[in-house]
Amino acid sequence: VQMVESGGGMVQAGGSLRLSCTASGLTIWYLTMAWYRQTPGQGRTLVARLRWMDNSTFYIDSVKGRFTITKDNARNTIYLQMTSLKPEDTAIYYCNEDPSDAGYWGRGTQVTVSS
């Protein structure tokens, strides 16, 4: 199983990015998938979740109204649309199941938001 995250970059505060995560060796349509992020010295924390059975979503309070998680089952890919980015969103972003599987972590994609 391999998760490949992409789409990160450097943006100014208020900007937008769209992250992608494509899974290989794993079919995501029947899994609850999530985006996580990690800052230096901190563990990975859940940012957003998408349940497979009803497509319901969950977001942590700090990103509600700004981030949107979606998926494309045909492409075996999940996305995280991020708008109104803030410097505190700076982190490495990863995708994984929720609960996460230790064997599924990819390399992540770096998001850097400057003030």
C-alpha atoms as a PDB file:
ATOM      1  CA  VAL A   1       0.000   0.000   0.000  1.00  0.00           C
ATOM      2  CA  GLN A   2       1.249   3.427  -0.892  1.00  0.00           C
ATOM      3  CA  MET A   3      -0.244   6.859  -0.337  1.00  0.00           C
ATOM      4  CA  VAL A   4       1.167   9.642  -2.478  1.00  0.00           C
ATOM      5  CA  GLU A   5       0.317  13.161  -1.408  1.00  0.00           C
ATOM      6  CA  SER A   6       0.827  16.176  -3.655  1.00  0.00           C
ATOM      7  CA  GLY A   7      -0.282  19.739  -4.182  1.00  0.00           C
ATOM      8  CA  GLY A   8       1.498  21.462  -1.342  1.00  0.00           C
ATOM      9  CA  GLY A   9       3.503  24.623  -1.711  1.00  0.00           C
ATOM     10  CA  MET A  10       4.180  28.078  -0.405  1.00  0.00           C
ATOM     11  CA  VAL A  11       1.356  30.613  -0.356  1.00  0.00           C
ATOM     12  CA  GLN A  12       0.598  33.887   1.316  1.00  0.00           C
ATOM     13  CA  ALA A  13      -2.027  34.130   4.011  1.00  0.00           C
ATOM     14  CA  GLY A  14      -5.466  34.163   2.454  1.00  0.00           C
ATOM     15  CA  GLY A  15      -4.387  31.976  -0.419  1.00  0.00           C
ATOM     16  CA  SER A  16      -5.624  28.566  -1.489  1.00  0.00           C
ATOM     17  CA  LEU A  17      -4.205  25.157  -2.245  1.00  0.00           C
ATOM     18  CA  ARG A  18      -5.679  21.836  -3.302  1.00  0.00           C
ATOM     19  CA  LEU A  19      -4.003  18.742  -1.970  1.00  0.00           C
ATOM     20  CA  SER A  20      -4.362  15.328  -3.574  1.00  0.00           C
ATOM     21  CA  CYS A  21      -3.693  11.867  -2.233  1.00  0.00           C
ATOM     22  CA  THR A  22      -3.721   8.849  -4.505  1.00  0.00           C
ATOM     23  CA  ALA A  23      -3.726   5.388  -2.998  1.00  0.00           C
ATOM     24  CA  SER A  24      -2.226   2.356  -4.660  1.00  0.00           C
ATOM     25  CA  GLY A  25      -2.645  -1.183  -3.428  1.00  0.00           C
ATOM     26  CA  LEU A  26      -5.759  -0.097  -1.585  1.00  0.00           C
ATOM     27  CA  THR A  27      -9.311   0.691  -2.661  1.00  0.00           C
ATOM     28  CA  ILE A  28     -10.549   3.760  -0.838  1.00  0.00           C
ATOM     29  CA  TRP A  29     -14.219   3.800  -1.737  1.00  0.00           C
ATOM     30  CA  TYR A  30     -15.187   1.644   1.244  1.00  0.00           C
ATOM     31  CA  LEU A  31     -12.810   3.284   3.707  1.00  0.00           C
ATOM     32  CA  THR A  32     -13.122   6.282   5.940  1.00  0.00           C
ATOM     33  CA  MET A  33     -10.290   8.482   4.758  1.00  0.00           C
ATOM     34  CA  ALA A  34      -8.739  11.478   6.406  1.00  0.00           C
ATOM     35  CA  TRP A  35      -6.178  14.209   6.125  1.00  0.00           C
ATOM     36  CA  TYR A  36      -3.695  14.757   8.918  1.00  0.00           C
ATOM     37  CA  ARG A  37      -1.009  17.335   9.489  1.00  0.00           C
ATOM     38  CA  GLN A  38       2.191  17.522  11.442  1.00  0.00           C
ATOM     39  CA  THR A  39       4.264  20.467  12.588  1.00  0.00           C
ATOM     40  CA  PRO A  40       7.844  20.281  13.902  1.00  0.00           C
ATOM     41  CA  GLY A  41       7.933  18.736  17.336  1.00  0.00           C
ATOM     42  CA  GLN A  42       4.300  17.680  17.173  1.00  0.00           C
ATOM     43  CA  GLY A  43       2.606  14.442  16.309  1.00  0.00           C
ATOM     44  CA  ARG A  44       0.259  14.014  13.393  1.00  0.00           C
ATOM     45  CA  THR A  45      -3.202  15.336  14.101  1.00  0.00           C
ATOM     46  CA  LEU A  46      -6.461  14.768  12.302  1.00  0.00           C
ATOM     47  CA  VAL A  47      -7.646  17.681  10.174  1.00  0.00           C
ATOM     48  CA  ALA A  48     -10.602  16.315   8.217  1.00  0.00           C
ATOM     49  CA  ARG A  49     -12.410  13.016   7.726  1.00  0.00           C
ATOM     50  CA  LEU A  50     -14.732  11.616   5.074  1.00  0.00           C
ATOM     51  CA  ARG A  51     -16.820   8.574   5.928  1.00  0.00           C
ATOM     52  CA  TRP A  52     -17.345   6.156   3.088  1.00  0.00           C
ATOM     53  CA  MET A  53     -20.778   4.881   4.078  1.00  0.00           C
ATOM     54  CA  ASP A  54     -22.620   8.200   3.960  1.00  0.00           C
ATOM     55  CA  ASN A  55     -20.020  10.712   2.738  1.00  0.00           C
ATOM     56  CA  SER A  56     -20.363  12.618   5.978  1.00  0.00           C
ATOM     57  CA  THR A  57     -17.465  14.851   6.898  1.00  0.00           C
ATOM     58  CA  PHE A  58     -15.725  16.051  10.025  1.00  0.00           C
ATOM     59  CA  TYR A  59     -13.370  18.991  10.398  1.00  0.00           C
ATOM     60  CA  ILE A  60     -11.423  20.273  13.328  1.00  0.00           C
ATOM     61  CA  ASP A  61     -12.713  23.636  14.507  1.00  0.00           C
ATOM     62  CA  SER A  62      -9.752  25.621  13.237  1.00  0.00           C
ATOM     63  CA  VAL A  63     -10.376  24.649   9.592  1.00  0.00           C
ATOM     64  CA  LYS A  64     -14.186  24.556   9.484  1.00  0.00           C
ATOM     65  CA  GLY A  65     -15.526  26.681   6.692  1.00  0.00           C
ATOM     66  CA  ARG A  66     -12.097  26.904   5.050  1.00  0.00           C
ATOM     67  CA  PHE A  67     -11.161  23.303   4.174  1.00  0.00           C
ATOM     68  CA  THR A  68     -13.179  20.775   2.199  1.00  0.00           C
ATOM     69  CA  ILE A  69     -12.415  17.057   1.925  1.00  0.00           C
ATOM     70  CA  THR A  70     -13.682  15.158  -1.089  1.00  0.00           C
ATOM     71  CA  LYS A  71     -12.836  11.981  -2.942  1.00  0.00           C
ATOM     72  CA  ASP A  72     -12.923  10.514  -6.415  1.00  0.00           C
ATOM     73  CA  ASN A  73     -13.482   6.780  -6.167  1.00  0.00           C
ATOM     74  CA  ALA A  74     -12.715   6.234  -9.841  1.00  0.00           C
ATOM     75  CA  ARG A  75      -9.291   7.805  -9.346  1.00  0.00           C
ATOM     76  CA  ASN A  76      -8.804   6.267  -5.896  1.00  0.00           C
ATOM     77  CA  THR A  77      -7.911   9.756  -4.753  1.00  0.00           C
ATOM     78  CA  ILE A  78      -8.923  12.075  -1.963  1.00  0.00           C
ATOM     79  CA  TYR A  79      -8.570  15.825  -1.983  1.00  0.00           C
ATOM     80  CA  LEU A  80      -8.314  18.639   0.499  1.00  0.00           C
ATOM     81  CA  GLN A  81      -9.335  22.034  -0.816  1.00  0.00           C
ATOM     82  CA  MET A  82      -7.861  24.659   1.457  1.00  0.00           C
ATOM     83  CA  THR A  83      -8.915  28.288   1.283  1.00  0.00           C
ATOM     84  CA  SER A  84      -8.278  31.376   3.399  1.00  0.00           C
ATOM     85  CA  LEU A  85      -5.039  29.795   4.513  1.00  0.00           C
ATOM     86  CA  LYS A  86      -3.405  31.038   7.695  1.00  0.00           C
ATOM     87  CA  PRO A  87       0.197  30.818   8.877  1.00  0.00           C
ATOM     88  CA  GLU A  88      -0.915  28.334  11.537  1.00  0.00           C
ATOM     89  CA  ASP A  89      -1.924  25.945   8.742  1.00  0.00           C
ATOM     90  CA  THR A  90       1.763  25.499   7.928  1.00  0.00           C
ATOM     91  CA  ALA A  91       2.543  21.797   8.272  1.00  0.00           C
ATOM     92  CA  ILE A  92       3.237  18.604   6.409  1.00  0.00           C
ATOM     93  CA  TYR A  93      -0.078  17.133   5.302  1.00  0.00           C
ATOM     94  CA  TYR A  94      -0.689  13.402   5.058  1.00  0.00           C
ATOM     95  CA  CYS A  95      -3.596  11.192   4.131  1.00  0.00           C
ATOM     96  CA  ASN A  96      -4.517   7.896   5.723  1.00  0.00           C
ATOM     97  CA  GLU A  97      -7.481   5.942   6.906  1.00  0.00           C
ATOM     98  CA  ASP A  98      -9.262   6.974  10.076  1.00  0.00           C
ATOM     99  CA  PRO A  99      -8.293   5.400  12.401  1.00  0.00           C
ATOM    100  CA  SER A 100      -4.893   5.624  10.789  1.00  0.00           C
ATOM    101  CA  ASP A 101      -2.945   2.566   9.737  1.00  0.00           C
ATOM    102  CA  ALA A 102       0.725   2.821  10.624  1.00  0.00           C
ATOM    103  CA  GLY A 103       1.702   1.106   7.405  1.00  0.00           C
ATOM    104  CA  TYR A 104      -0.086   3.571   5.158  1.00  0.00           C
ATOM    105  CA  TRP A 105       1.768   6.812   5.890  1.00  0.00           C
ATOM    106  CA  GLY A 106       3.222   8.430   2.819  1.00  0.00           C
ATOM    107  CA  ARG A 107       5.818  11.159   2.614  1.00  0.00           C
ATOM    108  CA  GLY A 108       3.289  13.922   2.932  1.00  0.00           C
ATOM    109  CA  THR A 109       3.214  17.263   1.202  1.00  0.00           C
ATOM    110  CA  GLN A 110       4.536  20.473   2.729  1.00  0.00           C
ATOM    111  CA  VAL A 111       2.235  23.457   3.050  1.00  0.00           C
ATOM    112  CA  THR A 112       3.823  26.748   4.047  1.00  0.00           C
ATOM    113  CA  VAL A 113       1.711  29.845   4.608  1.00  0.00           C
ATOM    114  CA  SER A 114       3.487  33.159   5.013  1.00  0.00           C
ATOM    115  CA  SER A 115       1.986  36.146   6.774  1.00  0.00           C
END
